[in-house]
Amino acid sequence: MTADINLFSPYQLGNLELPNRIIMAPLTRNRAEQGNVPHQLNATYYAQRASAGLIIAEATQVTPQGQGYPYTPGIHSPEQVAGWKLVTDTVRQQGGRIFLQLWHVGRISHPDLQPNGELPVAPSAIAPQGEASTYEGHKPFVTPRALETSEILGIVEKYRQGAANALAAGFDGVEIHAANGYLIDQFLRDGTNQRTDKYGGSIENRARFLLEVTEAVTDVWGAERVGVRLSPSGTFNDMRDSNPLETFGYAAQALNQFDLAYLHIFEATDADIRYGGMIVPTSHLRDRFTGTLIVNGGYTREKGNAVLANKAADLVAFGTLFISNPDLPRRLAVNAPLNPPDQTTFYGGGEKGYTDYPFWSAAS
């Protein structure tokens, strides 16, 4: 008889052997230094969490144009590659495995963060509601500049170069950030994409950018070391779509052509439900995507074990719990108490709320 599958079961992800099915979700922490360069403190933070089956490192811009928040790391300069190499070397010394999430925020930026104070770019010139985070505090979002058709392949090449830089930095793979209202998500959804060229209109056209980026990145890495993240029910960053079941069902099915390492679904949050988002059940995508599925969104030990036992997903990503519990897999394994997270230290700062959370010991 086969043993029950749970969070502590090993998993073969392509040619990577994961010792457990507990994934560290990508978490923006705004702690990259001058030049958006990772440094020793970041290396310590990730190495502390190396017992995860897989770490997916925080969203990292592939071009200066892709930055949307202060002190977020990049993967487009030699200094950034060297900084990330310090991180990957330190994680590997602790026996860990780590992917990098490739990012372009699109319209979720501000001229203060853009090269030469230019406008942020997007599929269409539609301003999001809300405020941008800048080095001087929050400022109202501006109306972005709609990308010219001729510019789009240049951005695809930025993802390709970012993927190549991640390879040089020693990562085990990369995840394409196509979720949470950032550039690829903006192309996918008709609430933010009102183009009339080959990148707009039909779902086939709106998914074109995602598929071109995925092709470019898999050309660098090979498909078995590339994942994609989607947020089909997400309303974050003022996102909406008239038919998300169709949009994301098509996207999930279209990604099958690449034989990816995984599809990573950020599931509906309480905020998405409150703001009237149309909820796309993960089962809708599970039925259409033939590869490994990671789920993320408020999972506990019990919920994680249940979703794996029911074969509704293959791996479970944890975010906030990994912030405050560097040894989360061990704590979950023995059902130990969890450190409460300090939300005031999530974004920006130094060691406090970053590398100073205690590890669990039976003696305590």
Protein backbone atom coordinates (compact mmCIF):
# COMPACT_ATOMS: atom_id res chain seq x y z
CA MET A 1 0.00 0.00 0.00
CA THR A 2 1.30 3.48 -0.86
CA ALA A 3 1.96 5.84 2.03
CA ASP A 4 -0.25 8.87 2.33
CA ILE A 5 1.11 11.96 0.58
CA ASN A 6 1.60 14.91 2.94
CA LEU A 7 3.73 18.02 3.40
CA PHE A 8 6.69 15.94 4.52
CA SER A 9 6.73 13.58 1.53
CA PRO A 10 9.64 14.04 -0.91
CA TYR A 11 8.90 15.20 -4.44
CA GLN A 12 10.73 14.95 -7.75
CA LEU A 13 10.51 18.36 -9.45
CA GLY A 14 12.08 17.85 -12.86
CA ASN A 15 15.61 16.76 -12.00
CA LEU A 16 15.49 18.39 -8.55
CA GLU A 17 14.79 16.17 -5.54
CA LEU A 18 12.78 18.08 -2.95
CA PRO A 19 13.01 16.64 0.58
CA ASN A 20 9.50 17.90 1.40
CA ARG A 21 6.56 19.61 -0.29
CA ILE A 22 6.78 22.82 1.75
CA ILE A 23 7.65 25.69 -0.61
CA MET A 24 8.76 29.13 0.51
CA ALA A 25 6.63 31.59 -1.47
CA PRO A 26 8.24 34.68 -3.05
CA LEU A 27 8.05 37.52 -0.52
CA THR A 28 8.90 41.16 -1.20
CA ARG A 29 10.88 42.45 1.78
CA ASN A 30 12.44 45.70 0.40
CA ARG A 31 15.89 45.05 1.81
CA ALA A 32 18.19 45.29 -1.22
CA GLU A 33 20.84 47.96 -0.81
CA GLN A 34 22.07 50.77 -3.04
CA GLY A 35 21.66 49.80 -6.67
CA ASN A 36 19.02 47.21 -5.75
CA VAL A 37 21.82 44.75 -4.95
CA PRO A 38 21.32 41.74 -2.62
CA HIS A 39 23.90 41.52 0.17
CA GLN A 40 24.95 39.46 3.19
CA LEU A 41 21.80 40.12 5.22
CA ASN A 42 19.68 38.73 2.36
CA ALA A 43 21.95 35.69 2.12
CA THR A 44 21.53 35.02 5.84
CA TYR A 45 17.74 35.35 5.59
CA TYR A 46 17.41 32.83 2.77
CA ALA A 47 19.99 30.41 4.24
CA GLN A 48 18.00 30.34 7.48
CA ARG A 49 15.05 29.00 5.44
CA ALA A 50 17.02 26.43 3.43
CA SER A 51 15.03 23.51 4.91
CA ALA A 52 12.13 24.40 2.60
CA GLY A 53 11.59 21.86 -0.16
CA LEU A 54 12.20 24.81 -2.49
CA ILE A 55 12.73 28.52 -1.88
CA ILE A 56 11.22 30.84 -4.49
CA ALA A 57 13.16 34.05 -3.91
CA GLU A 58 11.43 37.40 -3.94
CA ALA A 59 10.21 39.18 -7.07
CA THR A 60 13.25 40.65 -8.84
CA GLN A 61 13.06 43.19 -11.65
CA VAL A 62 14.62 42.20 -14.97
CA THR A 63 15.11 45.84 -16.01
CA PRO A 64 15.24 49.22 -14.21
CA GLN A 65 11.93 49.99 -15.97
CA GLY A 66 10.39 47.04 -14.12
CA GLN A 67 10.91 48.46 -10.61
CA GLY A 68 7.80 49.40 -8.63
CA TYR A 69 8.93 49.65 -5.01
CA PRO A 70 11.96 50.98 -3.11
CA TYR A 71 14.85 48.64 -2.32
CA THR A 72 13.64 45.67 -4.36
CA PRO A 73 16.43 43.59 -5.93
CA GLY A 74 17.23 43.47 -9.61
CA ILE A 75 18.86 40.88 -11.87
CA HIS A 76 20.05 43.19 -14.65
CA SER A 77 23.47 44.48 -13.47
CA PRO A 78 26.76 42.67 -12.77
CA GLU A 79 26.61 43.85 -9.15
CA GLN A 80 23.14 42.34 -8.72
CA VAL A 81 24.26 39.03 -10.23
CA ALA A 82 27.19 38.97 -7.79
CA GLY A 83 24.88 39.79 -4.89
CA TRP A 84 22.51 36.98 -5.80
CA LYS A 85 25.50 34.61 -6.21
CA LEU A 86 26.31 35.27 -2.55
CA VAL A 87 22.72 34.30 -1.70
CA THR A 88 22.64 31.11 -3.77
CA ASP A 89 26.06 29.98 -2.50
CA THR A 90 24.97 30.49 1.10
CA VAL A 91 21.67 28.66 0.59
CA ARG A 92 23.46 25.76 -1.10
CA GLN A 93 25.94 25.51 1.77
CA GLN A 94 22.88 24.85 3.96
CA GLY A 95 21.61 22.15 1.58
CA GLY A 96 18.83 24.27 0.08
CA ARG A 97 17.35 24.74 -3.38
CA ILE A 98 16.35 28.19 -4.68
CA PHE A 99 14.55 29.64 -7.72
CA LEU A 100 14.40 33.35 -8.59
CA GLN A 101 11.14 35.10 -9.49
CA LEU A 102 11.48 37.29 -12.61
CA TRP A 103 9.46 40.52 -12.44
CA HIS A 104 8.34 43.61 -14.33
CA VAL A 105 5.70 45.68 -12.53
CA GLY A 106 4.37 47.52 -15.59
CA ARG A 107 1.96 50.26 -14.51
CA ILE A 108 2.47 49.61 -10.76
CA SER A 109 5.32 52.09 -10.61
CA HIS A 110 5.89 55.83 -10.56
CA PRO A 111 8.14 58.26 -12.47
CA ASP A 112 10.17 58.65 -9.24
CA LEU A 113 11.27 55.01 -9.66
CA GLN A 114 11.72 55.06 -13.44
CA PRO A 115 14.91 55.79 -15.39
CA ASN A 116 15.01 59.53 -16.22
CA GLY A 117 11.66 60.04 -14.50
CA GLU A 118 9.77 58.50 -17.41
CA LEU A 119 6.21 57.20 -17.23
CA PRO A 120 5.72 53.55 -16.29
CA VAL A 121 4.68 51.32 -19.20
CA ALA A 122 1.65 49.05 -19.57
CA PRO A 123 -0.42 47.31 -22.25
CA SER A 124 -2.86 50.24 -22.21
CA ALA A 125 -2.85 53.76 -20.79
CA ILE A 126 -5.12 52.94 -17.83
CA ALA A 127 -4.12 54.23 -14.40
CA PRO A 128 -4.62 51.91 -11.42
CA GLN A 129 -6.52 53.13 -8.39
CA GLY A 130 -4.38 53.70 -5.32
CA GLU A 131 -0.88 54.89 -4.56
CA ALA A 132 2.62 53.93 -5.59
CA SER A 133 5.40 53.29 -3.07
CA THR A 134 8.35 55.63 -3.67
CA TYR A 135 11.50 56.56 -1.77
CA GLU A 136 9.62 59.68 -0.61
CA GLY A 137 6.53 57.80 0.56
CA HIS A 138 3.22 57.03 -1.12
CA LYS A 139 2.15 59.02 -4.18
CA PRO A 140 -0.91 58.63 -6.44
CA PHE A 141 -0.42 56.28 -9.37
CA VAL A 142 0.01 58.01 -12.73
CA THR A 143 -1.47 57.03 -16.07
CA PRO A 144 1.10 54.72 -17.70
CA ARG A 145 2.31 54.91 -21.27
CA ALA A 146 0.90 52.20 -23.55
CA LEU A 147 3.70 50.15 -25.05
CA GLU A 148 4.18 50.34 -28.81
CA THR A 149 3.90 46.96 -30.51
CA SER A 150 7.51 47.29 -31.63
CA GLU A 151 8.70 47.64 -28.00
CA ILE A 152 7.20 44.45 -26.63
CA LEU A 153 9.75 41.99 -27.98
CA GLY A 154 12.42 44.17 -26.35
CA ILE A 155 10.80 43.54 -22.97
CA VAL A 156 10.62 39.81 -23.74
CA GLU A 157 14.40 40.03 -24.28
CA LYS A 158 14.78 41.65 -20.84
CA TYR A 159 13.16 38.54 -19.35
CA ARG A 160 15.50 36.37 -21.41
CA GLN A 161 18.54 38.29 -20.15
CA GLY A 162 17.23 38.22 -16.59
CA ALA A 163 16.89 34.45 -16.88
CA ALA A 164 20.46 34.18 -18.18
CA ASN A 165 21.69 36.38 -15.33
CA ALA A 166 19.84 34.17 -12.82
CA LEU A 167 21.63 31.16 -14.31
CA ALA A 168 24.96 32.95 -13.88
CA ALA A 169 24.01 33.79 -10.28
CA GLY A 170 23.70 30.11 -9.43
CA PHE A 171 19.96 29.66 -9.01
CA ASP A 172 18.37 26.23 -9.48
CA GLY A 173 15.66 27.68 -11.70
CA VAL A 174 13.35 30.66 -12.20
CA GLU A 175 9.69 31.53 -11.79
CA ILE A 176 7.98 33.94 -14.20
CA HIS A 177 5.85 36.39 -12.20
CA ALA A 178 2.59 36.57 -14.16
CA ALA A 179 0.42 37.35 -11.13
CA ASN A 180 -0.70 40.08 -8.72
CA GLY A 181 -1.45 42.83 -11.22
CA TYR A 182 2.04 43.23 -12.67
CA LEU A 183 2.97 43.51 -16.33
CA ILE A 184 2.21 40.00 -17.61
CA ASP A 185 -1.04 39.91 -15.62
CA GLN A 186 -1.91 43.33 -17.11
CA PHE A 187 -1.60 41.86 -20.60
CA LEU A 188 -3.70 38.81 -19.70
CA ARG A 189 -6.75 40.60 -18.33
CA ASP A 190 -9.18 42.66 -20.39
CA GLY A 191 -9.65 45.15 -17.55
CA THR A 192 -6.12 46.40 -18.16
CA ASN A 193 -5.54 45.36 -21.77
CA GLN A 194 -7.57 47.28 -24.35
CA ARG A 195 -5.10 46.94 -27.19
CA THR A 196 -6.20 46.41 -30.79
CA ASP A 197 -2.95 44.88 -32.08
CA LYS A 198 -1.81 41.24 -31.87
CA TYR A 199 -1.40 41.57 -28.08
CA GLY A 200 -5.00 42.60 -27.39
CA GLY A 201 -8.61 41.63 -27.91
CA SER A 202 -9.00 37.84 -27.91
CA ILE A 203 -7.65 35.74 -25.05
CA GLU A 204 -5.22 34.17 -27.54
CA ASN A 205 -3.81 37.64 -28.20
CA ARG A 206 -3.81 38.72 -24.55
CA ALA A 207 -1.90 35.56 -23.57
CA ARG A 208 0.69 36.10 -26.32
CA PHE A 209 3.06 38.12 -24.12
CA LEU A 210 3.00 35.47 -21.36
CA LEU A 211 3.77 32.74 -23.87
CA GLU A 212 6.55 34.73 -25.57
CA VAL A 213 8.20 35.42 -22.20
CA THR A 214 7.86 31.75 -21.23
CA GLU A 215 9.43 30.65 -24.51
CA ALA A 216 12.35 33.04 -24.03
CA VAL A 217 12.99 31.94 -20.45
CA THR A 218 12.72 28.22 -21.21
CA ASP A 219 15.17 28.73 -24.10
CA VAL A 220 17.72 29.77 -21.44
CA TRP A 221 16.93 27.28 -18.69
CA GLY A 222 15.16 24.33 -20.21
CA ALA A 223 11.51 23.91 -19.28
CA GLU A 224 12.07 21.66 -16.26
CA ARG A 225 13.69 24.55 -14.35
CA VAL A 226 11.01 27.17 -15.13
CA GLY A 227 7.74 27.82 -13.29
CA VAL A 228 4.96 30.36 -13.84
CA ARG A 229 2.86 32.09 -11.19
CA LEU A 230 -0.75 33.19 -11.83
CA SER A 231 -3.37 34.84 -9.58
CA PRO A 232 -6.66 34.10 -11.40
CA SER A 233 -8.92 35.43 -8.63
CA GLY A 234 -6.75 38.42 -7.71
CA THR A 235 -8.03 41.97 -7.34
CA PHE A 236 -4.74 43.33 -5.94
CA ASN A 237 -3.40 46.34 -7.84
CA ASP A 238 -6.88 47.16 -9.16
CA MET A 239 -7.16 44.09 -11.39
CA ARG A 240 -10.28 42.69 -13.06
CA ASP A 241 -11.29 40.55 -16.00
CA SER A 242 -14.70 40.01 -17.59
CA ASN A 243 -14.28 36.22 -17.76
CA PRO A 244 -11.42 34.97 -15.58
CA LEU A 245 -12.53 31.35 -15.90
CA GLU A 246 -11.94 31.53 -19.64
CA THR A 247 -8.84 33.75 -19.43
CA PHE A 248 -6.93 31.68 -16.89
CA GLY A 249 -8.25 28.35 -18.11
CA TYR A 250 -6.82 29.19 -21.52
CA ALA A 251 -3.52 30.40 -20.05
CA ALA A 252 -3.08 27.25 -17.95
CA GLN A 253 -3.81 25.00 -20.90
CA ALA A 254 -1.56 26.99 -23.25
CA LEU A 255 1.37 26.63 -20.83
CA ASN A 256 1.24 22.84 -21.25
CA GLN A 257 3.17 23.19 -24.51
CA PHE A 258 6.32 24.01 -22.53
CA ASP A 259 6.32 21.05 -20.09
CA LEU A 260 7.19 23.45 -17.25
CA ALA A 261 8.55 22.61 -13.81
CA TYR A 262 5.28 23.84 -12.30
CA LEU A 263 2.34 26.22 -12.32
CA HIS A 264 2.05 28.23 -9.09
CA ILE A 265 -1.43 29.50 -8.19
CA PHE A 266 -1.93 32.37 -5.76
CA GLU A 267 -5.45 31.61 -4.61
CA ALA A 268 -8.28 33.99 -3.67
CA THR A 269 -7.74 36.03 -0.51
CA ASP A 270 -10.35 37.49 1.83
CA ALA A 271 -9.68 40.86 0.17
CA ASP A 272 -10.44 39.43 -3.28
CA ILE A 273 -13.78 38.16 -1.99
CA ARG A 274 -14.56 41.46 -0.23
CA TYR A 275 -13.82 43.45 -3.39
CA GLY A 276 -16.13 41.29 -5.47
CA GLY A 277 -13.50 39.40 -7.42
CA MET A 278 -14.75 36.51 -9.55
CA ILE A 279 -13.29 33.46 -7.86
CA VAL A 280 -11.57 30.91 -10.10
CA PRO A 281 -11.40 27.56 -8.29
CA THR A 282 -7.97 25.96 -8.38
CA SER A 283 -9.68 22.79 -9.61
CA HIS A 284 -10.54 24.68 -12.83
CA LEU A 285 -6.81 25.04 -13.54
CA ARG A 286 -5.88 21.62 -12.17
CA ASP A 287 -8.15 20.13 -14.82
CA ARG A 288 -6.34 22.03 -17.58
CA PHE A 289 -2.68 22.08 -16.55
CA THR A 290 -1.02 18.69 -16.85
CA GLY A 291 2.12 19.34 -14.78
CA THR A 292 3.06 20.02 -11.17
CA LEU A 293 0.74 22.43 -9.35
CA ILE A 294 1.78 24.62 -6.40
CA VAL A 295 -0.93 26.35 -4.35
CA ASN A 296 -0.42 29.37 -2.10
CA GLY A 297 -2.82 31.31 0.07
CA GLY A 298 -3.27 31.07 3.84
CA TYR A 299 -2.40 27.38 4.16
CA THR A 300 -1.88 25.73 7.54
CA ARG A 301 -0.39 22.34 8.36
CA GLU A 302 -3.85 20.77 8.29
CA LYS A 303 -5.03 22.48 5.11
CA GLY A 304 -1.75 21.74 3.37
CA ASN A 305 -1.87 18.06 4.22
CA ALA A 306 -5.51 17.88 3.09
CA VAL A 307 -4.93 19.50 -0.32
CA LEU A 308 -2.05 17.09 -0.99
CA ALA A 309 -3.94 14.02 0.22
CA ASN A 310 -6.85 14.95 -2.06
CA LYS A 311 -4.40 15.38 -4.99
CA ALA A 312 -5.78 18.89 -5.54
CA ALA A 313 -2.15 20.11 -5.64
CA ASP A 314 1.36 18.64 -5.57
CA LEU A 315 3.18 21.25 -3.48
CA VAL A 316 2.09 23.94 -1.00
CA ALA A 317 3.72 27.37 -0.72
CA PHE A 318 3.77 29.28 2.56
CA GLY A 319 4.46 33.00 2.77
CA THR A 320 3.82 34.80 6.06
CA LEU A 321 4.58 31.70 8.12
CA PHE A 322 8.06 31.56 6.55
CA ILE A 323 8.69 35.20 7.43
CA SER A 324 8.39 34.51 11.16
CA ASN A 325 9.48 30.85 11.22
CA PRO A 326 12.80 30.25 9.47
CA ASP A 327 12.58 26.56 10.45
CA LEU A 328 8.96 26.18 9.33
CA PRO A 329 9.26 22.61 7.97
CA ARG A 330 10.58 21.34 11.32
CA ARG A 331 7.91 23.18 13.29
CA LEU A 332 5.16 21.80 11.04
CA ALA A 333 6.60 18.29 11.26
CA VAL A 334 6.43 18.18 15.06
CA ASN A 335 3.42 20.51 15.31
CA ALA A 336 5.49 22.98 17.34
CA PRO A 337 4.24 26.48 18.25
CA LEU A 338 4.74 29.13 15.54
CA ASN A 339 6.35 32.53 16.01
CA PRO A 340 3.80 35.32 15.37
CA PRO A 341 4.83 37.65 12.52
CA ASP A 342 5.56 41.33 13.14
CA GLN A 343 3.76 43.05 10.26
CA THR A 344 5.43 46.40 10.98
CA THR A 345 8.75 44.93 9.78
CA PHE A 346 7.54 43.19 6.62
CA TYR A 347 8.74 45.89 4.21
CA GLY A 348 12.10 47.60 4.57
CA GLY A 349 14.51 47.88 7.47
CA GLY A 350 17.34 45.68 8.66
CA GLU A 351 17.70 42.56 10.80
CA LYS A 352 14.65 43.24 12.97
CA GLY A 353 11.74 41.16 11.72
CA TYR A 354 13.98 39.68 9.03
CA THR A 355 16.78 37.49 10.38
CA ASP A 356 16.10 37.67 14.13
CA TYR A 357 13.12 35.30 14.45
CA PRO A 358 14.10 32.41 16.74
CA PHE A 359 14.42 28.80 15.68
CA TRP A 360 12.38 26.28 17.66
CA SER A 361 14.01 23.91 20.09
CA ALA A 362 12.36 21.15 22.10
CA ALA A 363 13.98 22.60 25.23
CA SER A 364 12.01 25.82 24.82
